Amino acid sequence: MTDNSNEQDVAFGFRRVGEGEKQGLVNEVFSKVAERYDQMNDLMSGGLHRLWKDDLVAMLNPPRGQAAFHYLDVAGGTGDIAFRILRAGGPQVRVTVADISPEMVGEGRKRAETEGLLGRCSFTVGNAEALAFPDKSFDAYTIAFGIRNVTHIDRALAEAYRVLKPGGRFLCLEFSQVDVPLMDRIYDAYSFTVVPAIGKVVTGDGHPYRYLVESIRTFPKQDDFKAMIEEAGFANVSYRNLTGGVVAIHSGWRI
């Protein structure tokens, strides 16, 4: 019998669960929505997620020449960020996608094959808190709408630092705190009523989207997350709010 007496509670949306439980619960959420994940992103954000992701890739600025760059996209199972990077960069740019959900990875691999990108993009099932890559392996690390789902954010940030080459860049696109008066109330009302309802219509189950909305509210605010990135060792850490703080892009560099 496993002794869980020393296990800490962590947030799973608005619930508190044992830290050993959270990853399995998160995996269950994404196994249910994998096939419709990108479609739901379009519906929930009115297509804005495409602009936010384009901003992330523009900040990354993958080289268009013949230089070889290898990027790691974590929690990017469906390949949405990876494919944008490959299209923006030159022929020597490569992307490895690591996602803890086998279902999400399966969707991404199918899309990459359909779009003829498997030669430049590889997929692996992996945990952001314990990446199966050597130290100093990648020129940049990206994660979009994924870090709030890990059990220990500090461990995921430490792993990001470990696998980056010196001079490598960390970029995180994540939902954040709205900083426009009245917009925050409208956003809350939309998130807790419309988003789960859309999820139920499209996927047949609104509960995973209730969790996703709750997880946004429990994620650290912009300045608090910035401090966590700095604590992990990154330099020149900054963030940029998009759409009034609905999302933010955090940037840091490994020195």
C-alpha atoms as a PDB file:
ATOM      1  CA  MET A   1       0.000   0.000   0.000  1.00  0.00           C
ATOM      2  CA  THR A   2       1.396   3.423  -0.994  1.00  0.00           C
ATOM      3  CA  ASP A   3       1.928   5.922   1.820  1.00  0.00           C
ATOM      4  CA  ASN A   4       0.607   9.322   0.684  1.00  0.00           C
ATOM      5  CA  SER A   5       0.759  10.900   4.142  1.00  0.00           C
ATOM      6  CA  ASN A   6       3.470  13.375   3.084  1.00  0.00           C
ATOM      7  CA  GLU A   7       1.777  14.301  -0.193  1.00  0.00           C
ATOM      8  CA  GLN A   8       0.902  17.974  -0.598  1.00  0.00           C
ATOM      9  CA  ASP A   9      -2.343  19.317  -1.965  1.00  0.00           C
ATOM     10  CA  VAL A  10      -2.189  21.186  -5.285  1.00  0.00           C
ATOM     11  CA  ALA A  11      -4.757  23.081  -7.324  1.00  0.00           C
ATOM     12  CA  PHE A  12      -6.811  21.262  -9.915  1.00  0.00           C
ATOM     13  CA  GLY A  13      -8.990  24.112 -11.046  1.00  0.00           C
ATOM     14  CA  PHE A  14     -10.765  25.302  -7.886  1.00  0.00           C
ATOM     15  CA  ARG A  15     -10.394  21.895  -6.231  1.00  0.00           C
ATOM     16  CA  ARG A  16      -7.473  20.764  -4.105  1.00  0.00           C
ATOM     17  CA  VAL A  17      -6.139  17.302  -4.926  1.00  0.00           C
ATOM     18  CA  GLY A  18      -3.110  15.284  -3.921  1.00  0.00           C
ATOM     19  CA  GLU A  19      -0.059  16.160  -5.972  1.00  0.00           C
ATOM     20  CA  GLY A  20       0.110  12.554  -7.145  1.00  0.00           C
ATOM     21  CA  GLU A  21      -3.423  12.781  -8.519  1.00  0.00           C
ATOM     22  CA  LYS A  22      -3.227  15.955 -10.569  1.00  0.00           C
ATOM     23  CA  GLN A  23      -1.352  14.716 -13.612  1.00  0.00           C
ATOM     24  CA  GLY A  24      -3.728  11.835 -14.129  1.00  0.00           C
ATOM     25  CA  LEU A  25      -6.707  14.165 -13.889  1.00  0.00           C
ATOM     26  CA  VAL A  26      -5.134  16.569 -16.392  1.00  0.00           C
ATOM     27  CA  ASN A  27      -4.390  13.679 -18.749  1.00  0.00           C
ATOM     28  CA  GLU A  28      -8.031  12.622 -18.547  1.00  0.00           C
ATOM     29  CA  VAL A  29      -9.152  16.136 -19.499  1.00  0.00           C
ATOM     30  CA  PHE A  30      -6.985  16.247 -22.609  1.00  0.00           C
ATOM     31  CA  SER A  31      -7.748  12.684 -23.675  1.00  0.00           C
ATOM     32  CA  LYS A  32     -11.388  13.765 -23.918  1.00  0.00           C
ATOM     33  CA  VAL A  33     -10.781  16.905 -25.977  1.00  0.00           C
ATOM     34  CA  ALA A  34      -7.779  15.976 -28.163  1.00  0.00           C
ATOM     35  CA  GLU A  35      -9.688  15.440 -31.403  1.00  0.00           C
ATOM     36  CA  ARG A  36     -11.507  18.770 -31.151  1.00  0.00           C
ATOM     37  CA  TYR A  37      -8.869  20.747 -29.274  1.00  0.00           C
ATOM     38  CA  ASP A  38      -7.911  23.183 -32.040  1.00  0.00           C
ATOM     39  CA  GLN A  39     -11.514  23.609 -33.159  1.00  0.00           C
ATOM     40  CA  MET A  40     -12.482  24.480 -29.601  1.00  0.00           C
ATOM     41  CA  ASN A  41      -9.671  27.033 -29.389  1.00  0.00           C
ATOM     42  CA  ASP A  42     -11.141  28.785 -32.429  1.00  0.00           C
ATOM     43  CA  LEU A  43     -14.627  28.800 -30.947  1.00  0.00           C
ATOM     44  CA  MET A  44     -13.623  29.825 -27.435  1.00  0.00           C
ATOM     45  CA  SER A  45     -11.342  32.683 -28.481  1.00  0.00           C
ATOM     46  CA  GLY A  46     -13.151  33.810 -31.616  1.00  0.00           C
ATOM     47  CA  GLY A  47      -9.971  32.948 -33.523  1.00  0.00           C
ATOM     48  CA  LEU A  48      -7.796  35.218 -31.354  1.00  0.00           C
ATOM     49  CA  HIS A  49      -5.605  32.306 -30.296  1.00  0.00           C
ATOM     50  CA  ARG A  50      -4.205  32.285 -33.836  1.00  0.00           C
ATOM     51  CA  LEU A  51      -3.052  35.893 -33.502  1.00  0.00           C
ATOM     52  CA  TRP A  52      -1.606  35.240 -30.045  1.00  0.00           C
ATOM     53  CA  LYS A  53       0.371  32.261 -31.349  1.00  0.00           C
ATOM     54  CA  ASP A  54       1.575  34.273 -34.331  1.00  0.00           C
ATOM     55  CA  ASP A  55       2.849  36.909 -31.892  1.00  0.00           C
ATOM     56  CA  LEU A  56       4.718  34.208 -29.968  1.00  0.00           C
ATOM     57  CA  VAL A  57       6.409  32.931 -33.129  1.00  0.00           C
ATOM     58  CA  ALA A  58       7.211  36.484 -34.245  1.00  0.00           C
ATOM     59  CA  MET A  59       9.008  37.041 -30.919  1.00  0.00           C
ATOM     60  CA  LEU A  60      10.875  33.760 -31.419  1.00  0.00           C
ATOM     61  CA  ASN A  61      11.879  34.925 -34.906  1.00  0.00           C
ATOM     62  CA  PRO A  62      13.122  31.582 -36.295  1.00  0.00           C
ATOM     63  CA  PRO A  63      15.972  32.091 -38.784  1.00  0.00           C
ATOM     64  CA  ARG A  64      15.063  31.960 -42.461  1.00  0.00           C
ATOM     65  CA  GLY A  65      18.531  31.131 -43.737  1.00  0.00           C
ATOM     66  CA  GLN A  66      20.496  27.901 -43.759  1.00  0.00           C
ATOM     67  CA  ALA A  67      21.471  27.955 -40.085  1.00  0.00           C
ATOM     68  CA  ALA A  68      20.391  24.856 -38.151  1.00  0.00           C
ATOM     69  CA  PHE A  69      18.189  25.565 -35.151  1.00  0.00           C
ATOM     70  CA  HIS A  70      16.456  23.003 -32.975  1.00  0.00           C
ATOM     71  CA  TYR A  71      13.457  24.125 -30.937  1.00  0.00           C
ATOM     72  CA  LEU A  72      11.487  22.334 -28.235  1.00  0.00           C
ATOM     73  CA  ASP A  73       7.740  22.932 -27.978  1.00  0.00           C
ATOM     74  CA  VAL A  74       6.367  21.557 -24.716  1.00  0.00           C
ATOM     75  CA  ALA A  75       2.674  20.757 -24.189  1.00  0.00           C
ATOM     76  CA  GLY A  76       2.236  21.363 -27.901  1.00  0.00           C
ATOM     77  CA  GLY A  77       0.695  18.012 -28.781  1.00  0.00           C
ATOM     78  CA  THR A  78      -1.430  19.020 -31.772  1.00  0.00           C
ATOM     79  CA  GLY A  79       1.544  20.769 -33.386  1.00  0.00           C
ATOM     80  CA  ASP A  80      -0.097  24.168 -33.723  1.00  0.00           C
ATOM     81  CA  ILE A  81       2.940  26.128 -32.480  1.00  0.00           C
ATOM     82  CA  ALA A  82       5.488  23.777 -34.053  1.00  0.00           C
ATOM     83  CA  PHE A  83       3.972  24.105 -37.524  1.00  0.00           C
ATOM     84  CA  ARG A  84       3.961  27.894 -37.234  1.00  0.00           C
ATOM     85  CA  ILE A  85       7.650  27.839 -36.304  1.00  0.00           C
ATOM     86  CA  LEU A  86       8.516  25.597 -39.241  1.00  0.00           C
ATOM     87  CA  ARG A  87       6.630  27.769 -41.711  1.00  0.00           C
ATOM     88  CA  ALA A  88       8.255  30.942 -40.379  1.00  0.00           C
ATOM     89  CA  GLY A  89      11.791  29.566 -40.376  1.00  0.00           C
ATOM     90  CA  GLY A  90      14.236  28.270 -42.942  1.00  0.00           C
ATOM     91  CA  PRO A  91      14.673  24.665 -44.123  1.00  0.00           C
ATOM     92  CA  GLN A  92      17.178  23.787 -41.379  1.00  0.00           C
ATOM     93  CA  VAL A  93      14.821  24.626 -38.517  1.00  0.00           C
ATOM     94  CA  ARG A  94      13.654  21.565 -36.585  1.00  0.00           C
ATOM     95  CA  VAL A  95      11.057  21.266 -33.810  1.00  0.00           C
ATOM     96  CA  THR A  96      10.600  18.538 -31.230  1.00  0.00           C
ATOM     97  CA  VAL A  97       7.156  18.451 -29.636  1.00  0.00           C
ATOM     98  CA  ALA A  98       6.812  16.956 -26.152  1.00  0.00           C
ATOM     99  CA  ASP A  99       3.380  16.472 -24.597  1.00  0.00           C
ATOM    100  CA  ILE A 100       2.292  14.296 -21.707  1.00  0.00           C
ATOM    101  CA  SER A 101      -0.979  13.310 -23.422  1.00  0.00           C
ATOM    102  CA  PRO A 102      -0.619  10.397 -25.864  1.00  0.00           C
ATOM    103  CA  GLU A 103      -3.914  11.412 -27.482  1.00  0.00           C
ATOM    104  CA  MET A 104      -2.708  14.961 -28.143  1.00  0.00           C
ATOM    105  CA  VAL A 105       0.601  13.659 -29.524  1.00  0.00           C
ATOM    106  CA  GLY A 106      -1.313  11.298 -31.794  1.00  0.00           C
ATOM    107  CA  GLU A 107      -3.345  14.178 -33.192  1.00  0.00           C
ATOM    108  CA  GLY A 108      -0.209  16.223 -33.804  1.00  0.00           C
ATOM    109  CA  ARG A 109       1.591  13.415 -35.561  1.00  0.00           C
ATOM    110  CA  LYS A 110      -1.407  12.848 -37.866  1.00  0.00           C
ATOM    111  CA  ARG A 111      -1.526  16.543 -38.714  1.00  0.00           C
ATOM    112  CA  ALA A 112       2.218  16.684 -39.389  1.00  0.00           C
ATOM    113  CA  GLU A 113       1.948  13.728 -41.755  1.00  0.00           C
ATOM    114  CA  THR A 114      -1.004  15.306 -43.571  1.00  0.00           C
ATOM    115  CA  GLU A 115       0.858  18.601 -43.967  1.00  0.00           C
ATOM    116  CA  GLY A 116       4.140  16.998 -45.020  1.00  0.00           C
ATOM    117  CA  LEU A 117       6.096  18.229 -41.990  1.00  0.00           C
ATOM    118  CA  LEU A 118       7.111  14.988 -40.281  1.00  0.00           C
ATOM    119  CA  GLY A 119      10.607  15.269 -41.719  1.00  0.00           C
ATOM    120  CA  ARG A 120      11.245  18.451 -39.729  1.00  0.00           C
ATOM    121  CA  CYS A 121       9.034  17.831 -36.712  1.00  0.00           C
ATOM    122  CA  SER A 122       9.170  14.969 -34.215  1.00  0.00           C
ATOM    123  CA  PHE A 123       6.677  14.072 -31.487  1.00  0.00           C
ATOM    124  CA  THR A 124       7.229  12.430 -28.140  1.00  0.00           C
ATOM    125  CA  VAL A 125       5.177  11.737 -25.027  1.00  0.00           C
ATOM    126  CA  GLY A 126       6.938  13.510 -22.192  1.00  0.00           C
ATOM    127  CA  ASN A 127       6.423  15.262 -18.876  1.00  0.00           C
ATOM    128  CA  ALA A 128       7.395  18.947 -18.673  1.00  0.00           C
ATOM    129  CA  GLU A 129       8.677  18.320 -15.143  1.00  0.00           C
ATOM    130  CA  ALA A 130      11.090  15.546 -16.213  1.00  0.00           C
ATOM    131  CA  LEU A 131      12.079  15.952 -19.860  1.00  0.00           C
ATOM    132  CA  ALA A 132      13.937  13.057 -21.480  1.00  0.00           C
ATOM    133  CA  PHE A 133      16.519  15.262 -23.214  1.00  0.00           C
ATOM    134  CA  PRO A 134      20.181  15.953 -22.416  1.00  0.00           C
ATOM    135  CA  ASP A 135      21.301  19.213 -20.874  1.00  0.00           C
ATOM    136  CA  LYS A 136      21.797  22.158 -23.261  1.00  0.00           C
ATOM    137  CA  SER A 137      20.023  20.481 -26.209  1.00  0.00           C
ATOM    138  CA  PHE A 138      17.801  23.210 -27.667  1.00  0.00           C
ATOM    139  CA  ASP A 139      18.103  26.717 -29.057  1.00  0.00           C
ATOM    140  CA  ALA A 140      14.681  27.747 -27.724  1.00  0.00           C
ATOM    141  CA  TYR A 141      11.867  26.386 -25.582  1.00  0.00           C
ATOM    142  CA  THR A 142       8.246  27.329 -26.200  1.00  0.00           C
ATOM    143  CA  ILE A 143       5.127  26.416 -24.262  1.00  0.00           C
ATOM    144  CA  ALA A 144       1.653  27.715 -25.090  1.00  0.00           C
ATOM    145  CA  PHE A 145      -1.343  27.249 -22.785  1.00  0.00           C
ATOM    146  CA  GLY A 146       0.347  24.332 -21.067  1.00  0.00           C
ATOM    147  CA  ILE A 147       2.382  25.400 -18.062  1.00  0.00           C
ATOM    148  CA  ARG A 148      -0.670  26.078 -15.883  1.00  0.00           C
ATOM    149  CA  ASN A 149      -1.554  22.378 -16.212  1.00  0.00           C
ATOM    150  CA  VAL A 150       1.670  21.006 -14.720  1.00  0.00           C
ATOM    151  CA  THR A 151       1.708  19.887 -11.103  1.00  0.00           C
ATOM    152  CA  HIS A 152       4.848  21.834 -10.117  1.00  0.00           C
ATOM    153  CA  ILE A 153       5.499  24.944 -12.199  1.00  0.00           C
ATOM    154  CA  ASP A 154       8.899  25.478 -10.599  1.00  0.00           C
ATOM    155  CA  ARG A 155      10.077  22.033 -11.715  1.00  0.00           C
ATOM    156  CA  ALA A 156       8.891  22.648 -15.271  1.00  0.00           C
ATOM    157  CA  LEU A 157      10.792  25.954 -15.355  1.00  0.00           C
ATOM    158  CA  ALA A 158      13.921  24.268 -14.001  1.00  0.00           C
ATOM    159  CA  GLU A 159      13.679  21.667 -16.771  1.00  0.00           C
ATOM    160  CA  ALA A 160      13.240  24.401 -19.377  1.00  0.00           C
ATOM    161  CA  TYR A 161      16.436  26.026 -18.146  1.00  0.00           C
ATOM    162  CA  ARG A 162      18.301  22.708 -18.094  1.00  0.00           C
ATOM    163  CA  VAL A 163      17.556  21.684 -21.676  1.00  0.00           C
ATOM    164  CA  LEU A 164      18.294  25.099 -23.190  1.00  0.00           C
ATOM    165  CA  LYS A 165      21.691  25.935 -24.617  1.00  0.00           C
ATOM    166  CA  PRO A 166      23.457  28.990 -23.173  1.00  0.00           C
ATOM    167  CA  GLY A 167      21.916  31.931 -24.998  1.00  0.00           C
ATOM    168  CA  GLY A 168      18.722  29.945 -25.583  1.00  0.00           C
ATOM    169  CA  ARG A 169      15.339  31.589 -25.176  1.00  0.00           C
ATOM    170  CA  PHE A 170      12.315  30.631 -23.110  1.00  0.00           C
ATOM    171  CA  LEU A 171       8.919  31.807 -24.371  1.00  0.00           C
ATOM    172  CA  CYS A 172       5.631  31.058 -22.647  1.00  0.00           C
ATOM    173  CA  LEU A 173       2.179  32.030 -23.913  1.00  0.00           C
ATOM    174  CA  GLU A 174      -0.402  31.639 -21.182  1.00  0.00           C
ATOM    175  CA  PHE A 175      -3.743  32.969 -20.025  1.00  0.00           C
ATOM    176  CA  SER A 176      -3.251  35.686 -17.455  1.00  0.00           C
ATOM    177  CA  GLN A 177      -4.975  38.414 -15.465  1.00  0.00           C
ATOM    178  CA  VAL A 178      -7.125  40.923 -17.355  1.00  0.00           C
ATOM    179  CA  ASP A 179      -5.993  44.447 -16.496  1.00  0.00           C
ATOM    180  CA  VAL A 180      -8.780  46.481 -18.131  1.00  0.00           C
ATOM    181  CA  PRO A 181     -11.640  47.694 -15.854  1.00  0.00           C
ATOM    182  CA  LEU A 182     -15.024  46.068 -16.604  1.00  0.00           C
ATOM    183  CA  MET A 183     -13.409  43.805 -19.194  1.00  0.00           C
ATOM    184  CA  ASP A 184     -12.450  41.454 -16.363  1.00  0.00           C
ATOM    185  CA  ARG A 185     -16.104  40.989 -15.345  1.00  0.00           C
ATOM    186  CA  ILE A 186     -17.232  40.401 -18.914  1.00  0.00           C
ATOM    187  CA  TYR A 187     -14.401  37.912 -19.390  1.00  0.00           C
ATOM    188  CA  ASP A 188     -15.329  36.025 -16.206  1.00  0.00           C
ATOM    189  CA  ALA A 189     -18.981  35.804 -17.200  1.00  0.00           C
ATOM    190  CA  TYR A 190     -18.069  34.557 -20.674  1.00  0.00           C
ATOM    191  CA  SER A 191     -15.527  32.037 -19.371  1.00  0.00           C
ATOM    192  CA  PHE A 192     -17.728  30.359 -16.798  1.00  0.00           C
ATOM    193  CA  THR A 193     -20.930  30.217 -18.835  1.00  0.00           C
ATOM    194  CA  VAL A 194     -20.205  30.248 -22.564  1.00  0.00           C
ATOM    195  CA  VAL A 195     -16.976  28.227 -22.700  1.00  0.00           C
ATOM    196  CA  PRO A 196     -18.274  25.075 -20.911  1.00  0.00           C
ATOM    197  CA  ALA A 197     -21.488  25.305 -22.938  1.00  0.00           C
ATOM    198  CA  ILE A 198     -19.520  25.397 -26.213  1.00  0.00           C
ATOM    199  CA  GLY A 199     -17.417  22.490 -24.979  1.00  0.00           C
ATOM    200  CA  LYS A 200     -20.487  20.405 -24.268  1.00  0.00           C
ATOM    201  CA  VAL A 201     -21.942  21.070 -27.725  1.00  0.00           C
ATOM    202  CA  VAL A 202     -18.698  20.377 -29.631  1.00  0.00           C
ATOM    203  CA  THR A 203     -17.182  17.543 -27.585  1.00  0.00           C
ATOM    204  CA  GLY A 204     -20.223  16.246 -25.708  1.00  0.00           C
ATOM    205  CA  ASP A 205     -18.715  17.117 -22.315  1.00  0.00           C
ATOM    206  CA  GLY A 206     -18.448  20.578 -20.767  1.00  0.00           C
ATOM    207  CA  HIS A 207     -16.608  19.470 -17.603  1.00  0.00           C
ATOM    208  CA  PRO A 208     -13.070  19.523 -19.087  1.00  0.00           C
ATOM    209  CA  TYR A 209     -13.607  23.121 -20.147  1.00  0.00           C
ATOM    210  CA  ARG A 210     -14.862  24.059 -16.707  1.00  0.00           C
ATOM    211  CA  TYR A 211     -11.513  22.820 -15.378  1.00  0.00           C
ATOM    212  CA  LEU A 212      -9.581  24.741 -18.037  1.00  0.00           C
ATOM    213  CA  VAL A 213     -11.362  27.981 -17.123  1.00  0.00           C
ATOM    214  CA  GLU A 214     -10.776  27.401 -13.399  1.00  0.00           C
ATOM    215  CA  SER A 215      -7.092  26.651 -14.007  1.00  0.00           C
ATOM    216  CA  ILE A 216      -6.703  30.089 -15.585  1.00  0.00           C
ATOM    217  CA  ARG A 217      -7.979  31.741 -12.399  1.00  0.00           C
ATOM    218  CA  THR A 218      -5.542  29.837 -10.170  1.00  0.00           C
ATOM    219  CA  PHE A 219      -2.472  30.520 -12.348  1.00  0.00           C
ATOM    220  CA  PRO A 220       0.010  33.099 -10.966  1.00  0.00           C
ATOM    221  CA  LYS A 221      -0.465  36.706 -12.030  1.00  0.00           C
ATOM    222  CA  GLN A 222       1.945  38.230 -14.530  1.00  0.00           C
ATOM    223  CA  ASP A 223       4.453  39.661 -12.041  1.00  0.00           C
ATOM    224  CA  ASP A 224       4.319  36.559  -9.844  1.00  0.00           C
ATOM    225  CA  PHE A 225       5.038  34.277 -12.789  1.00  0.00           C
ATOM    226  CA  LYS A 226       7.832  36.596 -13.923  1.00  0.00           C
ATOM    227  CA  ALA A 227       9.423  36.189 -10.492  1.00  0.00           C
ATOM    228  CA  MET A 228       9.188  32.391 -10.792  1.00  0.00           C
ATOM    229  CA  ILE A 229      10.981  32.477 -14.150  1.00  0.00           C
ATOM    230  CA  GLU A 230      13.739  34.604 -12.639  1.00  0.00           C
ATOM    231  CA  GLU A 231      13.992  32.220  -9.684  1.00  0.00           C
ATOM    232  CA  ALA A 232      14.608  29.384 -12.168  1.00  0.00           C
ATOM    233  CA  GLY A 233      17.740  31.220 -13.327  1.00  0.00           C
ATOM    234  CA  PHE A 234      16.576  33.021 -16.462  1.00  0.00           C
ATOM    235  CA  ALA A 235      17.902  36.497 -17.261  1.00  0.00           C
ATOM    236  CA  ASN A 236      16.289  39.524 -18.904  1.00  0.00           C
ATOM    237  CA  VAL A 237      12.828  38.230 -18.009  1.00  0.00           C
ATOM    238  CA  SER A 238       9.910  40.261 -19.309  1.00  0.00           C
ATOM    239  CA  TYR A 239       6.291  39.858 -20.316  1.00  0.00           C
ATOM    240  CA  ARG A 240       3.889  41.424 -22.758  1.00  0.00           C
ATOM    241  CA  ASN A 241       0.140  41.495 -22.274  1.00  0.00           C
ATOM    242  CA  LEU A 242      -2.119  40.771 -25.225  1.00  0.00           C
ATOM    243  CA  THR A 243      -5.844  41.556 -25.482  1.00  0.00           C
ATOM    244  CA  GLY A 244      -5.909  43.492 -22.237  1.00  0.00           C
ATOM    245  CA  GLY A 245      -4.110  40.797 -20.284  1.00  0.00           C
ATOM    246  CA  VAL A 246      -6.357  37.906 -21.327  1.00  0.00           C
ATOM    247  CA  VAL A 247      -3.040  36.293 -22.252  1.00  0.00           C
ATOM    248  CA  ALA A 248       0.595  37.228 -21.737  1.00  0.00           C
ATOM    249  CA  ILE A 249       3.837  36.175 -23.382  1.00  0.00           C
ATOM    250  CA  HIS A 250       6.692  35.730 -20.915  1.00  0.00           C
ATOM    251  CA  SER A 251      10.267  35.753 -22.190  1.00  0.00           C
ATOM    252  CA  GLY A 252      13.569  34.820 -20.581  1.00  0.00           C
ATOM    253  CA  TRP A 253      17.092  33.852 -21.615  1.00  0.00           C
ATOM    254  CA  ARG A 254      19.463  31.175 -20.376  1.00  0.00           C
ATOM    255  CA  ILE A 255      22.854  32.708 -19.716  1.00  0.00           C
END
